[in-house]
Amino acid sequence: MIDLITKPTQLEDLIGMINGYNLRLLERWLQMDMDIMYFEDNLGMRDRMMISVETFRRYLLPAYTEIFKRVREAGVHVHMHSDGHVIEAAEDFINAGASILGPTKQGENGIENIKRRCKDRGLHIPMLG
């Protein structure tokens, strides 16, 4: 997380290496018969994301998008879960391919915020039914 703030010159290479590893691992998981693949990250704190939404979109969202796209191409649903306040990234997760969005802390994200941003987007939000 510190690297996402200090942005060393090797940051994009590091993210690429981690994402490459995750994609290779993902291919093995996708060989199994499944309907839903569950992803979990803890990107939120009580009142905001751990990093700015701009930093999230620049450095992390492309990796999520690539991974989620591959999962959806395989006909598998993507369940994205994150603890804490992540409402600013909810639409990004949806646009990246999440079909189920599961923020744990409804109070931190605001149930009305979640409904307004996500309810009619064609995905399932467990706490909203």
C-alpha atoms as a PDB file:
ATOM      1  CA  MET A   1       0.000   0.000   0.000  1.00  0.00           C
ATOM      2  CA  ILE A   2       2.890   2.362   0.674  1.00  0.00           C
ATOM      3  CA  ASP A   3       4.099   1.881  -2.906  1.00  0.00           C
ATOM      4  CA  LEU A   4       0.700   3.052  -4.155  1.00  0.00           C
ATOM      5  CA  ILE A   5       1.346   6.327  -2.353  1.00  0.00           C
ATOM      6  CA  THR A   6       5.058   6.781  -3.056  1.00  0.00           C
ATOM      7  CA  LYS A   7       4.788   5.379  -6.609  1.00  0.00           C
ATOM      8  CA  PRO A   8       8.326   4.050  -7.135  1.00  0.00           C
ATOM      9  CA  THR A   9       9.430   3.555 -10.735  1.00  0.00           C
ATOM     10  CA  GLN A  10       9.070  -0.241 -10.388  1.00  0.00           C
ATOM     11  CA  LEU A  11       5.418  -0.077  -9.257  1.00  0.00           C
ATOM     12  CA  GLU A  12       3.824  -0.834 -12.622  1.00  0.00           C
ATOM     13  CA  ASP A  13       6.266  -3.719 -13.227  1.00  0.00           C
ATOM     14  CA  LEU A  14       5.434  -5.158  -9.794  1.00  0.00           C
ATOM     15  CA  ILE A  15       1.693  -4.899 -10.419  1.00  0.00           C
ATOM     16  CA  GLY A  16       2.196  -6.563 -13.817  1.00  0.00           C
ATOM     17  CA  MET A  17       4.119  -9.449 -12.251  1.00  0.00           C
ATOM     18  CA  ILE A  18       1.478  -9.987  -9.569  1.00  0.00           C
ATOM     19  CA  ASN A  19      -1.335  -9.792 -12.106  1.00  0.00           C
ATOM     20  CA  GLY A  20       0.454 -12.220 -14.426  1.00  0.00           C
ATOM     21  CA  TYR A  21       0.793 -14.697 -11.586  1.00  0.00           C
ATOM     22  CA  ASN A  22      -2.878 -14.235 -10.667  1.00  0.00           C
ATOM     23  CA  LEU A  23      -3.958 -14.799 -14.285  1.00  0.00           C
ATOM     24  CA  ARG A  24      -1.967 -18.046 -14.498  1.00  0.00           C
ATOM     25  CA  LEU A  25      -3.504 -19.216 -11.232  1.00  0.00           C
ATOM     26  CA  LEU A  26      -6.924 -18.148 -12.467  1.00  0.00           C
ATOM     27  CA  GLU A  27      -6.624 -20.362 -15.547  1.00  0.00           C
ATOM     28  CA  ARG A  28      -6.166 -23.372 -13.283  1.00  0.00           C
ATOM     29  CA  TRP A  29      -9.197 -22.435 -11.177  1.00  0.00           C
ATOM     30  CA  LEU A  30     -11.326 -21.942 -14.287  1.00  0.00           C
ATOM     31  CA  GLN A  31     -10.709 -25.563 -15.281  1.00  0.00           C
ATOM     32  CA  MET A  32     -12.983 -26.571 -12.408  1.00  0.00           C
ATOM     33  CA  ASP A  33     -16.745 -26.624 -12.752  1.00  0.00           C
ATOM     34  CA  MET A  34     -18.013 -23.555 -10.926  1.00  0.00           C
ATOM     35  CA  ASP A  35     -20.728 -20.955 -11.208  1.00  0.00           C
ATOM     36  CA  ILE A  36     -19.231 -18.185  -9.077  1.00  0.00           C
ATOM     37  CA  MET A  37     -15.686 -17.092  -8.348  1.00  0.00           C
ATOM     38  CA  TYR A  38     -15.244 -15.097  -5.145  1.00  0.00           C
ATOM     39  CA  PHE A  39     -12.725 -12.258  -4.905  1.00  0.00           C
ATOM     40  CA  GLU A  40     -11.939 -10.451  -1.675  1.00  0.00           C
ATOM     41  CA  ASP A  41      -9.849  -7.406  -0.934  1.00  0.00           C
ATOM     42  CA  ASN A  42      -9.915  -5.063   1.997  1.00  0.00           C
ATOM     43  CA  LEU A  43      -9.654  -1.708   0.277  1.00  0.00           C
ATOM     44  CA  GLY A  44     -11.755   0.352   2.647  1.00  0.00           C
ATOM     45  CA  MET A  45     -11.448   1.901   6.048  1.00  0.00           C
ATOM     46  CA  ARG A  46     -14.289   3.152   8.227  1.00  0.00           C
ATOM     47  CA  ASP A  47     -14.829   6.429   6.348  1.00  0.00           C
ATOM     48  CA  ARG A  48     -12.872   6.183   3.064  1.00  0.00           C
ATOM     49  CA  MET A  49     -10.810   3.944   0.836  1.00  0.00           C
ATOM     50  CA  MET A  50      -7.241   3.191   1.921  1.00  0.00           C
ATOM     51  CA  ILE A  51      -5.954   4.805  -1.265  1.00  0.00           C
ATOM     52  CA  SER A  52      -7.546   7.511  -3.356  1.00  0.00           C
ATOM     53  CA  VAL A  53     -10.079   6.383  -5.924  1.00  0.00           C
ATOM     54  CA  GLU A  54      -7.839   7.934  -8.587  1.00  0.00           C
ATOM     55  CA  THR A  55      -4.899   5.770  -7.487  1.00  0.00           C
ATOM     56  CA  PHE A  56      -7.189   2.732  -7.362  1.00  0.00           C
ATOM     57  CA  ARG A  57      -8.367   3.407 -10.913  1.00  0.00           C
ATOM     58  CA  ARG A  58      -4.884   3.999 -12.278  1.00  0.00           C
ATOM     59  CA  TYR A  59      -3.026   1.095 -10.686  1.00  0.00           C
ATOM     60  CA  LEU A  60      -5.446  -1.594  -9.475  1.00  0.00           C
ATOM     61  CA  LEU A  61      -8.594  -1.360 -11.576  1.00  0.00           C
ATOM     62  CA  PRO A  62      -6.893  -2.486 -14.819  1.00  0.00           C
ATOM     63  CA  ALA A  63      -5.833  -5.729 -13.098  1.00  0.00           C
ATOM     64  CA  TYR A  64      -9.322  -6.314 -11.700  1.00  0.00           C
ATOM     65  CA  THR A  65     -10.780  -5.648 -15.144  1.00  0.00           C
ATOM     66  CA  GLU A  66      -8.452  -8.115 -16.844  1.00  0.00           C
ATOM     67  CA  ILE A  67      -9.126 -10.829 -14.280  1.00  0.00           C
ATOM     68  CA  PHE A  68     -12.894 -10.281 -14.146  1.00  0.00           C
ATOM     69  CA  LYS A  69     -13.121 -10.231 -17.947  1.00  0.00           C
ATOM     70  CA  ARG A  70     -11.417 -13.612 -18.146  1.00  0.00           C
ATOM     71  CA  VAL A  71     -13.743 -15.071 -15.514  1.00  0.00           C
ATOM     72  CA  ARG A  72     -16.867 -13.732 -17.245  1.00  0.00           C
ATOM     73  CA  GLU A  73     -15.637 -15.037 -20.628  1.00  0.00           C
ATOM     74  CA  ALA A  74     -15.558 -18.474 -19.005  1.00  0.00           C
ATOM     75  CA  GLY A  75     -19.241 -18.078 -18.093  1.00  0.00           C
ATOM     76  CA  VAL A  76     -18.558 -17.699 -14.387  1.00  0.00           C
ATOM     77  CA  HIS A  77     -20.042 -14.984 -12.172  1.00  0.00           C
ATOM     78  CA  VAL A  78     -17.704 -12.648 -10.288  1.00  0.00           C
ATOM     79  CA  HIS A  79     -18.484 -11.985  -6.623  1.00  0.00           C
ATOM     80  CA  MET A  80     -16.415  -9.009  -5.489  1.00  0.00           C
ATOM     81  CA  HIS A  81     -16.209  -8.381  -1.747  1.00  0.00           C
ATOM     82  CA  SER A  82     -14.360  -5.673   0.097  1.00  0.00           C
ATOM     83  CA  ASP A  83     -14.448  -4.641   3.715  1.00  0.00           C
ATOM     84  CA  GLY A  84     -14.880  -1.038   4.674  1.00  0.00           C
ATOM     85  CA  HIS A  85     -15.922   2.076   2.801  1.00  0.00           C
ATOM     86  CA  VAL A  86     -15.529   1.392  -0.926  1.00  0.00           C
ATOM     87  CA  ILE A  87     -18.654   2.979  -2.394  1.00  0.00           C
ATOM     88  CA  GLU A  88     -16.556   5.198  -4.698  1.00  0.00           C
ATOM     89  CA  ALA A  89     -15.247   2.068  -6.429  1.00  0.00           C
ATOM     90  CA  ALA A  90     -18.579   0.207  -6.636  1.00  0.00           C
ATOM     91  CA  GLU A  91     -19.325   1.286 -10.198  1.00  0.00           C
ATOM     92  CA  ASP A  92     -15.740   0.487 -11.197  1.00  0.00           C
ATOM     93  CA  PHE A  93     -16.154  -3.089  -9.950  1.00  0.00           C
ATOM     94  CA  ILE A  94     -19.444  -3.384 -11.833  1.00  0.00           C
ATOM     95  CA  ASN A  95     -17.927  -2.009 -15.047  1.00  0.00           C
ATOM     96  CA  ALA A  96     -14.959  -4.365 -14.614  1.00  0.00           C
ATOM     97  CA  GLY A  97     -17.322  -7.362 -14.628  1.00  0.00           C
ATOM     98  CA  ALA A  98     -18.542  -8.018 -11.091  1.00  0.00           C
ATOM     99  CA  SER A  99     -21.990  -9.585 -11.141  1.00  0.00           C
ATOM    100  CA  ILE A 100     -22.299  -9.832  -7.356  1.00  0.00           C
ATOM    101  CA  LEU A 101     -21.129  -7.009  -5.131  1.00  0.00           C
ATOM    102  CA  GLY A 102     -20.746  -7.709  -1.449  1.00  0.00           C
ATOM    103  CA  PRO A 103     -19.525  -4.799   0.654  1.00  0.00           C
ATOM    104  CA  THR A 104     -19.458  -6.026   4.232  1.00  0.00           C
ATOM    105  CA  LYS A 105     -20.096  -2.811   6.071  1.00  0.00           C
ATOM    106  CA  GLN A 106     -23.370  -1.419   4.799  1.00  0.00           C
ATOM    107  CA  GLY A 107     -23.218   1.394   7.362  1.00  0.00           C
ATOM    108  CA  GLU A 108     -19.813   2.515   6.135  1.00  0.00           C
ATOM    109  CA  ASN A 109     -20.936   2.574   2.514  1.00  0.00           C
ATOM    110  CA  GLY A 110     -24.458   3.806   3.217  1.00  0.00           C
ATOM    111  CA  ILE A 111     -27.317   1.543   2.219  1.00  0.00           C
ATOM    112  CA  GLU A 112     -28.918   4.380   0.229  1.00  0.00           C
ATOM    113  CA  ASN A 113     -25.605   5.051  -1.571  1.00  0.00           C
ATOM    114  CA  ILE A 114     -25.359   1.390  -2.476  1.00  0.00           C
ATOM    115  CA  LYS A 115     -28.953   1.301  -3.740  1.00  0.00           C
ATOM    116  CA  ARG A 116     -28.526   4.508  -5.747  1.00  0.00           C
ATOM    117  CA  ARG A 117     -25.245   3.489  -7.392  1.00  0.00           C
ATOM    118  CA  CYS A 118     -25.763  -0.226  -7.845  1.00  0.00           C
ATOM    119  CA  LYS A 119     -29.324  -1.549  -7.503  1.00  0.00           C
ATOM    120  CA  ASP A 120     -30.442  -1.191 -11.139  1.00  0.00           C
ATOM    121  CA  ARG A 121     -27.150  -2.239 -12.721  1.00  0.00           C
ATOM    122  CA  GLY A 122     -28.116  -5.873 -13.322  1.00  0.00           C
ATOM    123  CA  LEU A 123     -26.089  -7.360 -10.511  1.00  0.00           C
ATOM    124  CA  HIS A 124     -26.907  -9.045  -7.248  1.00  0.00           C
ATOM    125  CA  ILE A 125     -26.157  -7.328  -3.954  1.00  0.00           C
ATOM    126  CA  PRO A 126     -26.796  -9.889  -1.201  1.00  0.00           C
ATOM    127  CA  MET A 127     -27.837  -7.392   1.443  1.00  0.00           C
ATOM    128  CA  LEU A 128     -30.376  -5.750  -0.912  1.00  0.00           C
ATOM    129  CA  GLY A 129     -32.005  -8.999  -1.988  1.00  0.00           C
END
